[in-house]
């Protein structure tokens, strides 16, 4: 994948206001998105998800949404991961759940047999992350991936994000933990309204990047 360019031709109407963006991203980059609560960061990701062919024609994307998994019935963690392997074999990173290295590395194997409804907030988040990373993509959009994670789990996540970067992937990440992003983000953009009340992404001048 060569340099990735995606932008609005004219401002897009969101519930938060008019949004304008223009990104030029090289492979092997992690991009952080910050902004005040309610400014429209998650809505921006949803806009991309609903208009993938418009902004990313021919490019495979994978999304981590902010809301927790709330399955009906007794759906187990292993059932969810098996569905990814069975329903999306051409996009699954792993041939089977048994091949999923994240399950082992993140010490999640014993939790897979339990219903997702019994998971704690952190366990639910880890399963979401494993499922998101089990889908092969060129660009990943992660909405607050550190939610409910303790420091040890954040380090595991950081390690995996860097491994994605080292294989040429691009990651867009919304997060409120600036110290977490400061370690490894190549660029951080702040979503904010300008003097004309137009939502834009302003490149942060903080000391970011490895």
Protein backbone atom coordinates (compact mmCIF):
# COMPACT_ATOMS: atom_id res chain seq x y z
CA UNK A 1 0.00 0.00 0.00
CA UNK A 2 1.42 3.38 -1.02
CA UNK A 3 0.75 6.71 0.66
CA UNK A 4 -2.89 6.93 1.72
CA UNK A 5 -4.85 10.10 0.99
CA UNK A 6 -8.47 10.57 2.07
CA UNK A 7 -10.35 13.82 2.44
CA UNK A 8 -13.69 15.54 2.16
CA UNK A 9 -14.36 17.40 -1.09
CA UNK A 10 -16.72 19.65 0.84
CA UNK A 11 -17.75 19.81 4.52
CA UNK A 12 -19.82 16.84 5.74
CA UNK A 13 -22.81 17.40 7.99
CA UNK A 14 -22.70 15.60 11.34
CA UNK A 15 -24.90 15.99 14.40
CA UNK A 16 -21.96 17.83 15.99
CA UNK A 17 -21.60 20.30 13.10
CA UNK A 18 -19.91 20.46 9.71
CA UNK A 19 -16.75 18.35 9.42
CA UNK A 20 -13.82 18.83 7.08
CA UNK A 21 -10.76 16.58 6.95
CA UNK A 22 -7.75 15.83 4.81
CA UNK A 23 -5.24 13.13 5.73
CA UNK A 24 -2.07 12.05 3.94
CA UNK A 25 -0.71 8.99 5.74
CA UNK A 26 2.19 6.71 4.91
CA UNK A 27 2.13 2.97 5.68
CA UNK A 28 3.54 1.89 9.05
CA UNK A 29 2.04 4.79 10.99
CA UNK A 30 -0.09 5.07 14.12
CA UNK A 31 -2.28 8.16 14.21
CA UNK A 32 -3.84 9.40 17.44
CA UNK A 33 -7.11 11.35 17.58
CA UNK A 34 -7.88 13.49 20.62
CA UNK A 35 -10.59 16.02 21.45
CA UNK A 36 -13.10 17.00 24.09
CA UNK A 37 -15.94 14.63 24.96
CA UNK A 38 -18.82 14.94 22.53
CA UNK A 39 -16.88 16.79 19.83
CA UNK A 40 -17.56 14.00 17.30
CA UNK A 41 -14.55 11.67 17.30
CA UNK A 42 -16.59 8.45 17.38
CA UNK A 43 -19.01 9.90 14.84
CA UNK A 44 -16.05 10.50 12.52
CA UNK A 45 -15.15 6.80 12.72
CA UNK A 46 -18.77 5.85 12.06
CA UNK A 47 -18.78 8.14 9.01
CA UNK A 48 -15.76 6.27 7.66
CA UNK A 49 -17.34 2.89 8.43
CA UNK A 50 -20.56 3.75 6.60
CA UNK A 51 -18.70 5.20 3.61
CA UNK A 52 -15.75 2.84 3.23
CA UNK A 53 -15.95 2.62 -0.56
CA UNK A 54 -16.05 6.41 -0.83
CA UNK A 55 -13.02 7.18 1.32
CA UNK A 56 -11.08 3.89 1.09
CA UNK A 57 -11.92 2.20 -2.24
CA UNK A 58 -10.29 -1.21 -2.51
CA UNK A 59 -8.73 -1.00 0.97
CA UNK A 60 -9.60 -3.43 3.77
CA UNK A 61 -10.59 -1.81 7.08
CA UNK A 62 -11.28 -3.16 10.56
CA UNK A 63 -13.09 -1.27 13.33
CA UNK A 64 -13.11 -1.43 17.12
CA UNK A 65 -16.23 0.32 18.41
CA UNK A 66 -16.46 1.94 21.82
CA UNK A 67 -19.59 0.17 23.03
CA UNK A 68 -19.16 -3.22 24.76
CA UNK A 69 -20.24 -6.52 23.25
CA UNK A 70 -23.79 -7.29 24.40
CA UNK A 71 -24.70 -10.61 22.76
CA UNK A 72 -28.05 -12.27 23.21
CA UNK A 73 -28.23 -15.64 24.93
CA UNK A 74 -25.16 -17.58 25.98
CA UNK A 75 -22.81 -16.69 23.14
CA UNK A 76 -19.28 -17.50 24.30
CA UNK A 77 -16.01 -15.84 23.44
CA UNK A 78 -14.94 -18.85 21.41
CA UNK A 79 -18.22 -18.69 19.43
CA UNK A 80 -17.49 -15.12 18.37
CA UNK A 81 -13.95 -15.89 17.23
CA UNK A 82 -15.10 -19.02 15.40
CA UNK A 83 -17.69 -16.95 13.52
CA UNK A 84 -14.90 -14.70 12.23
CA UNK A 85 -12.95 -17.73 10.98
CA UNK A 86 -16.03 -19.39 9.46
CA UNK A 87 -17.88 -16.38 8.04
CA UNK A 88 -14.90 -14.37 6.80
CA UNK A 89 -12.25 -16.98 5.90
CA UNK A 90 -10.73 -14.75 3.23
CA UNK A 91 -10.18 -11.95 5.77
CA UNK A 92 -9.43 -13.96 8.90
CA UNK A 93 -5.84 -13.65 10.10
CA UNK A 94 -6.07 -17.10 11.70
CA UNK A 95 -7.40 -20.35 10.22
CA UNK A 96 -8.92 -21.34 13.55
CA UNK A 97 -9.27 -20.11 17.11
CA UNK A 98 -6.56 -22.59 18.09
CA UNK A 99 -4.16 -20.74 15.77
CA UNK A 100 -4.97 -17.34 17.27
CA UNK A 101 -1.70 -16.25 18.86
CA UNK A 102 -3.33 -13.34 20.70
CA UNK A 103 -5.52 -15.71 22.70
CA UNK A 104 -2.41 -17.38 24.08
CA UNK A 105 -0.25 -14.27 24.38
CA UNK A 106 -2.98 -12.30 26.15
CA UNK A 107 -3.79 -15.22 28.48
CA UNK A 108 -7.38 -15.38 27.28
CA UNK A 109 -7.77 -19.09 26.55
CA UNK A 110 -9.56 -20.01 29.79
CA UNK A 111 -12.10 -17.21 29.29
CA UNK A 112 -13.27 -18.34 25.85
CA UNK A 113 -15.62 -21.02 27.18
CA UNK A 114 -17.54 -18.52 29.29
CA UNK A 115 -20.60 -16.60 28.07
CA UNK A 116 -19.64 -13.08 26.99
CA UNK A 117 -22.43 -11.75 29.20
CA UNK A 118 -20.41 -12.88 32.25
CA UNK A 119 -17.27 -10.96 31.25
CA UNK A 120 -15.96 -8.02 33.22
CA UNK A 121 -15.44 -4.71 31.44
CA UNK A 122 -11.77 -5.47 30.87
CA UNK A 123 -12.45 -9.01 29.62
CA UNK A 124 -15.10 -7.70 27.23
CA UNK A 125 -12.65 -5.13 25.90
CA UNK A 126 -9.90 -7.70 25.41
CA UNK A 127 -12.24 -9.97 23.44
CA UNK A 128 -13.25 -7.02 21.25
CA UNK A 129 -9.59 -6.27 20.57
CA UNK A 130 -8.79 -9.91 19.75
CA UNK A 131 -11.78 -10.02 17.37
CA UNK A 132 -10.78 -6.74 15.70
CA UNK A 133 -7.18 -7.87 15.19
CA UNK A 134 -8.34 -11.28 13.94
CA UNK A 135 -9.64 -9.54 10.81
CA UNK A 136 -6.92 -8.84 8.28
CA UNK A 137 -6.95 -5.17 7.29
CA UNK A 138 -4.68 -2.52 5.88
CA UNK A 139 -6.12 0.17 8.14
CA UNK A 140 -7.48 -0.25 11.68
CA UNK A 141 -9.79 2.25 13.38
CA UNK A 142 -9.79 1.83 17.17
CA UNK A 143 -12.25 3.80 19.29
CA UNK A 144 -10.83 4.08 22.83
CA UNK A 145 -9.02 0.71 22.82
CA UNK A 146 -7.67 1.17 26.37
CA UNK A 147 -11.13 1.32 27.99
CA UNK A 148 -11.21 -0.86 31.14
CA UNK A 149 -7.65 -2.10 30.60
CA UNK A 150 -5.11 -2.21 33.42
CA UNK A 151 -1.50 -1.19 32.87
CA UNK A 152 -0.36 -4.73 32.02
CA UNK A 153 -3.05 -5.10 29.35
CA UNK A 154 -2.20 -1.66 27.95
CA UNK A 155 1.39 -2.81 27.48
CA UNK A 156 0.18 -5.91 25.60
CA UNK A 157 -1.97 -3.70 23.39
CA UNK A 158 0.91 -1.31 22.75
CA UNK A 159 3.14 -4.25 21.79
CA UNK A 160 0.60 -5.49 19.26
CA UNK A 161 0.01 -2.03 17.79
CA UNK A 162 3.73 -1.69 17.19
CA UNK A 163 3.81 -5.12 15.55
CA UNK A 164 1.04 -4.00 13.18
CA UNK A 165 3.01 -0.87 12.39
CA UNK A 166 6.12 -2.93 11.67
CA UNK A 167 4.20 -4.95 9.07
CA UNK A 168 3.09 -1.83 7.17
CA UNK A 169 -0.35 -1.38 8.71
CA UNK A 170 -1.95 1.99 9.49
CA UNK A 171 -3.79 2.50 12.79
CA UNK A 172 -6.14 5.38 13.67
CA UNK A 173 -6.85 5.49 17.39
CA UNK A 174 -9.10 7.60 19.57
CA UNK A 175 -7.98 7.71 23.18
CA UNK A 176 -8.03 10.00 26.21
CA UNK A 177 -4.81 8.62 27.69
CA UNK A 178 -2.22 10.97 26.20
CA UNK A 179 0.64 9.30 28.05
CA UNK A 180 -0.31 6.02 26.41
CA UNK A 181 -0.39 7.51 22.91
CA UNK A 182 2.72 9.59 23.42
CA UNK A 183 4.89 6.48 23.52
CA UNK A 184 4.27 5.33 19.98
CA UNK A 185 1.95 7.55 17.91
CA UNK A 186 3.66 9.05 14.88
CA UNK A 187 1.17 11.93 14.77
CA UNK A 188 -1.64 13.12 17.01
CA UNK A 189 -4.51 15.25 15.69
CA UNK A 190 -6.95 17.23 17.79
CA UNK A 191 -10.52 17.38 16.56
CA UNK A 192 -11.89 20.85 17.30
CA UNK A 193 -14.00 23.65 15.90
CA UNK A 194 -12.29 26.59 14.24
CA UNK A 195 -13.45 30.20 14.44
CA UNK A 196 -16.09 29.47 11.80
CA UNK A 197 -17.44 26.56 13.91
CA UNK A 198 -16.20 24.06 11.32
CA UNK A 199 -14.91 20.79 12.77
CA UNK A 200 -11.35 20.10 11.68
CA UNK A 201 -8.33 17.99 12.66
CA UNK A 202 -5.40 20.08 13.86
CA UNK A 203 -1.98 18.45 14.05
CA UNK A 204 -0.86 18.56 17.68
CA UNK A 205 2.47 20.22 18.36
CA UNK A 206 3.17 18.04 21.37
CA UNK A 207 6.19 15.78 21.66
CA UNK A 208 4.73 12.66 20.08
CA UNK A 209 6.24 9.74 18.28
CA UNK A 210 8.84 7.12 19.03
